[in-house]
């Protein structure tokens, strides 16, 4: 999860932290807090970014094809910036 370098250059450290926290909260809220396995922010490269690991469990079963199909990925791309 990231944005372009210019976006982050305009943010303070606190705003950058909030950006990634908000993104993590989006996935926790929409796909389940327990399904978010990890969130790791990397600030040591030219553009800050976050690796987010989600275990796509639904009703006790792995369901990546159901949770993250083409339509759902499109929805995330449109919905996450508004969150």
N, C-alpha and C. Protein backbone atom coordinates (compact mmCIF):
# COMPACT_ATOMS: atom_id res chain seq x y z
N UNK A 1 0.87 -1.16 0.00
CA UNK A 1 0.00 0.00 0.00
C UNK A 1 0.91 1.21 0.00
N UNK A 2 0.68 2.11 -0.96
CA UNK A 2 1.53 3.29 -1.07
C UNK A 2 0.82 4.37 -1.87
N UNK A 3 1.53 5.42 -2.11
CA UNK A 3 1.12 6.48 -3.03
C UNK A 3 2.40 6.96 -3.69
N UNK A 4 2.33 8.03 -4.44
CA UNK A 4 3.55 8.51 -5.07
C UNK A 4 4.41 9.30 -4.09
N UNK A 5 5.66 9.45 -4.45
CA UNK A 5 6.64 10.11 -3.57
C UNK A 5 6.20 11.53 -3.20
N UNK A 6 5.66 12.26 -4.17
CA UNK A 6 5.23 13.64 -3.92
C UNK A 6 4.13 13.72 -2.86
N UNK A 7 3.26 12.73 -2.84
CA UNK A 7 2.20 12.68 -1.83
C UNK A 7 2.81 12.65 -0.43
N UNK A 8 3.79 11.78 -0.22
CA UNK A 8 4.39 11.63 1.10
C UNK A 8 5.27 12.82 1.48
N UNK A 9 5.84 13.49 0.49
CA UNK A 9 6.68 14.66 0.78
C UNK A 9 5.88 15.78 1.43
N UNK A 10 4.58 15.80 1.20
CA UNK A 10 3.70 16.84 1.76
C UNK A 10 3.19 16.49 3.15
N UNK A 11 3.43 15.25 3.60
CA UNK A 11 2.90 14.80 4.89
C UNK A 11 3.94 14.88 5.99
N UNK A 12 3.48 15.15 7.19
CA UNK A 12 4.34 15.06 8.37
C UNK A 12 4.49 13.59 8.74
N UNK A 13 5.38 13.30 9.68
CA UNK A 13 5.54 11.92 10.16
C UNK A 13 4.23 11.39 10.72
N UNK A 14 3.53 12.21 11.47
CA UNK A 14 2.26 11.80 12.07
C UNK A 14 1.21 11.54 11.00
N UNK A 15 1.17 12.36 9.98
CA UNK A 15 0.20 12.16 8.89
C UNK A 15 0.53 10.89 8.10
N UNK A 16 1.80 10.61 7.92
CA UNK A 16 2.22 9.38 7.24
C UNK A 16 1.79 8.17 8.06
N UNK A 17 2.01 8.23 9.37
CA UNK A 17 1.60 7.13 10.26
C UNK A 17 0.10 6.93 10.16
N UNK A 18 -0.65 8.02 10.17
CA UNK A 18 -2.11 7.95 10.09
C UNK A 18 -2.57 7.37 8.75
N UNK A 19 -1.89 7.71 7.67
CA UNK A 19 -2.21 7.17 6.35
C UNK A 19 -2.18 5.65 6.36
N UNK A 20 -1.10 5.09 6.90
CA UNK A 20 -0.97 3.64 6.92
C UNK A 20 -1.91 2.99 7.94
N UNK A 21 -2.12 3.64 9.05
CA UNK A 21 -3.06 3.13 10.04
C UNK A 21 -4.48 3.07 9.46
N UNK A 22 -4.85 4.10 8.74
CA UNK A 22 -6.17 4.15 8.12
C UNK A 22 -6.33 3.04 7.08
N UNK A 23 -5.30 2.81 6.28
CA UNK A 23 -5.34 1.74 5.28
C UNK A 23 -5.50 0.38 5.96
N UNK A 24 -4.75 0.15 7.02
CA UNK A 24 -4.87 -1.12 7.76
C UNK A 24 -6.27 -1.27 8.33
N UNK A 25 -6.80 -0.20 8.88
CA UNK A 25 -8.15 -0.24 9.44
C UNK A 25 -9.20 -0.54 8.38
N UNK A 26 -9.00 -0.02 7.18
CA UNK A 26 -9.92 -0.31 6.08
C UNK A 26 -10.01 -1.82 5.84
N UNK A 27 -8.85 -2.46 5.75
CA UNK A 27 -8.84 -3.90 5.48
C UNK A 27 -9.37 -4.70 6.67
N UNK A 28 -9.04 -4.27 7.88
CA UNK A 28 -9.56 -4.95 9.07
C UNK A 28 -11.08 -4.85 9.12
N UNK A 29 -11.60 -3.67 8.82
CA UNK A 29 -13.05 -3.45 8.86
C UNK A 29 -13.78 -4.22 7.76
N UNK A 30 -13.19 -4.27 6.59
CA UNK A 30 -13.86 -4.89 5.45
C UNK A 30 -13.62 -6.38 5.29
N UNK A 31 -12.51 -6.88 5.85
CA UNK A 31 -12.17 -8.30 5.66
C UNK A 31 -11.93 -9.04 6.96
N UNK A 32 -12.11 -8.34 8.07
CA UNK A 32 -11.99 -8.97 9.38
C UNK A 32 -10.65 -8.73 10.03
N UNK A 33 -10.69 -8.20 11.25
CA UNK A 33 -9.46 -7.92 12.02
C UNK A 33 -8.60 -9.17 12.15
N UNK A 34 -9.23 -10.32 12.41
CA UNK A 34 -8.46 -11.55 12.60
C UNK A 34 -7.85 -12.06 11.30
N UNK A 35 -8.32 -11.59 10.16
CA UNK A 35 -7.74 -11.99 8.88
C UNK A 35 -6.51 -11.18 8.51
N UNK A 36 -6.29 -10.07 9.18
CA UNK A 36 -5.08 -9.27 8.93
C UNK A 36 -3.94 -9.90 9.73
N UNK A 37 -3.06 -10.60 9.04
CA UNK A 37 -1.98 -11.33 9.69
C UNK A 37 -0.84 -10.41 10.11
N UNK A 38 -0.52 -9.43 9.28
CA UNK A 38 0.55 -8.48 9.60
C UNK A 38 0.41 -7.22 8.77
N UNK A 39 1.00 -6.17 9.27
CA UNK A 39 1.11 -4.90 8.55
C UNK A 39 2.48 -4.34 8.89
N UNK A 40 3.31 -4.16 7.89
CA UNK A 40 4.69 -3.71 8.11
C UNK A 40 4.98 -2.50 7.22
N UNK A 41 5.23 -1.37 7.86
CA UNK A 41 5.51 -0.13 7.13
C UNK A 41 7.01 -0.03 6.88
N UNK A 42 7.38 0.30 5.66
CA UNK A 42 8.78 0.46 5.26
C UNK A 42 9.04 1.92 4.93
N UNK A 43 9.89 2.54 5.71
CA UNK A 43 10.23 3.95 5.50
C UNK A 43 11.66 4.11 5.00
N UNK A 44 12.36 3.00 4.77
CA UNK A 44 13.77 3.03 4.42
C UNK A 44 14.03 3.08 2.92
N UNK A 45 12.99 3.18 2.12
CA UNK A 45 13.16 3.28 0.67
C UNK A 45 12.70 4.66 0.21
N UNK A 46 12.81 4.95 -1.06
CA UNK A 46 12.50 6.30 -1.53
C UNK A 46 11.04 6.69 -1.32
N UNK A 47 10.14 5.72 -1.37
CA UNK A 47 8.72 6.00 -1.14
C UNK A 47 8.20 5.09 -0.02
N UNK A 48 7.64 5.67 1.03
CA UNK A 48 7.07 4.84 2.10
C UNK A 48 5.99 3.91 1.55
N UNK A 49 5.94 2.70 2.10
CA UNK A 49 4.92 1.75 1.68
C UNK A 49 4.66 0.76 2.81
N UNK A 50 3.56 0.04 2.71
CA UNK A 50 3.21 -0.94 3.72
C UNK A 50 2.91 -2.27 3.06
N UNK A 51 3.50 -3.32 3.64
CA UNK A 51 3.16 -4.68 3.24
C UNK A 51 2.06 -5.13 4.19
N UNK A 52 0.98 -5.62 3.64
CA UNK A 52 -0.16 -6.04 4.43
C UNK A 52 -0.49 -7.48 4.06
N UNK A 53 -0.46 -8.35 5.04
CA UNK A 53 -0.78 -9.76 4.80
C UNK A 53 -2.17 -10.08 5.31
N UNK A 54 -2.99 -10.59 4.42
CA UNK A 54 -4.36 -10.96 4.79
C UNK A 54 -4.57 -12.43 4.49
N UNK A 55 -5.06 -13.17 5.48
CA UNK A 55 -5.44 -14.56 5.28
C UNK A 55 -6.92 -14.55 4.92
N UNK A 56 -7.26 -14.90 3.70
CA UNK A 56 -8.64 -14.76 3.24
C UNK A 56 -9.56 -15.86 3.75
N UNK A 57 -9.89 -15.78 5.03
CA UNK A 57 -10.77 -16.77 5.65
C UNK A 57 -12.21 -16.26 5.64
N UNK A 58 -13.11 -17.12 5.26
CA UNK A 58 -14.54 -16.81 5.32
C UNK A 58 -15.26 -18.09 5.75
N UNK A 59 -16.01 -17.97 6.82
CA UNK A 59 -16.74 -19.12 7.37
C UNK A 59 -15.81 -20.29 7.68
N UNK A 60 -14.62 -19.95 8.19
CA UNK A 60 -13.66 -20.98 8.60
C UNK A 60 -12.91 -21.65 7.47
N UNK A 61 -13.04 -21.17 6.26
CA UNK A 61 -12.35 -21.77 5.11
C UNK A 61 -11.58 -20.70 4.35
N UNK A 62 -10.44 -21.11 3.78
CA UNK A 62 -9.69 -20.21 2.91
C UNK A 62 -10.55 -19.91 1.67
N UNK A 63 -10.61 -18.65 1.30
CA UNK A 63 -11.48 -18.30 0.18
C UNK A 63 -10.93 -17.13 -0.63
N UNK A 64 -9.69 -17.25 -1.06
CA UNK A 64 -9.08 -16.14 -1.80
C UNK A 64 -9.82 -15.83 -3.10
N UNK A 65 -10.34 -16.86 -3.76
CA UNK A 65 -11.05 -16.62 -5.02
C UNK A 65 -12.37 -15.90 -4.79
N UNK A 66 -12.94 -16.06 -3.61
CA UNK A 66 -14.19 -15.38 -3.29
C UNK A 66 -13.91 -13.98 -2.76
N UNK A 67 -12.95 -13.87 -1.83
CA UNK A 67 -12.68 -12.58 -1.20
C UNK A 67 -11.96 -11.60 -2.11
N UNK A 68 -11.08 -12.10 -2.95
CA UNK A 68 -10.25 -11.20 -3.76
C UNK A 68 -10.33 -11.53 -5.24
N UNK A 69 -11.54 -11.61 -5.74
CA UNK A 69 -11.73 -11.80 -7.17
C UNK A 69 -11.53 -10.46 -7.89
N UNK A 70 -11.60 -10.48 -9.19
CA UNK A 70 -11.35 -9.28 -9.99
C UNK A 70 -12.26 -8.11 -9.59
N UNK A 71 -13.54 -8.39 -9.38
CA UNK A 71 -14.48 -7.33 -9.00
C UNK A 71 -14.13 -6.73 -7.64
N UNK A 72 -13.75 -7.59 -6.69
CA UNK A 72 -13.42 -7.10 -5.36
C UNK A 72 -12.15 -6.25 -5.39
N UNK A 73 -11.16 -6.66 -6.16
CA UNK A 73 -9.93 -5.88 -6.28
C UNK A 73 -10.22 -4.51 -6.90
N UNK A 74 -11.11 -4.48 -7.87
CA UNK A 74 -11.51 -3.21 -8.48
C UNK A 74 -12.21 -2.34 -7.44
N UNK A 75 -13.07 -2.95 -6.64
CA UNK A 75 -13.78 -2.23 -5.58
C UNK A 75 -12.78 -1.63 -4.58
N UNK A 76 -11.78 -2.39 -4.18
CA UNK A 76 -10.77 -1.90 -3.24
C UNK A 76 -10.07 -0.68 -3.83
N UNK A 77 -9.69 -0.77 -5.09
CA UNK A 77 -8.99 0.34 -5.74
C UNK A 77 -9.82 1.61 -5.75
N UNK A 78 -11.12 1.47 -5.90
CA UNK A 78 -12.00 2.64 -5.93
C UNK A 78 -12.38 3.11 -4.53
N UNK A 79 -12.55 2.18 -3.60
CA UNK A 79 -13.08 2.49 -2.28
C UNK A 79 -12.02 2.94 -1.28
N UNK A 80 -10.85 2.34 -1.31
CA UNK A 80 -9.81 2.64 -0.32
C UNK A 80 -9.41 4.12 -0.30
N UNK A 81 -9.21 4.78 -1.43
CA UNK A 81 -8.85 6.22 -1.36
C UNK A 81 -9.93 7.09 -0.72
N UNK A 82 -11.18 6.66 -0.77
CA UNK A 82 -12.28 7.42 -0.17
C UNK A 82 -12.37 7.20 1.34
N UNK A 83 -11.80 6.10 1.82
CA UNK A 83 -11.89 5.72 3.22
C UNK A 83 -11.08 6.68 4.05
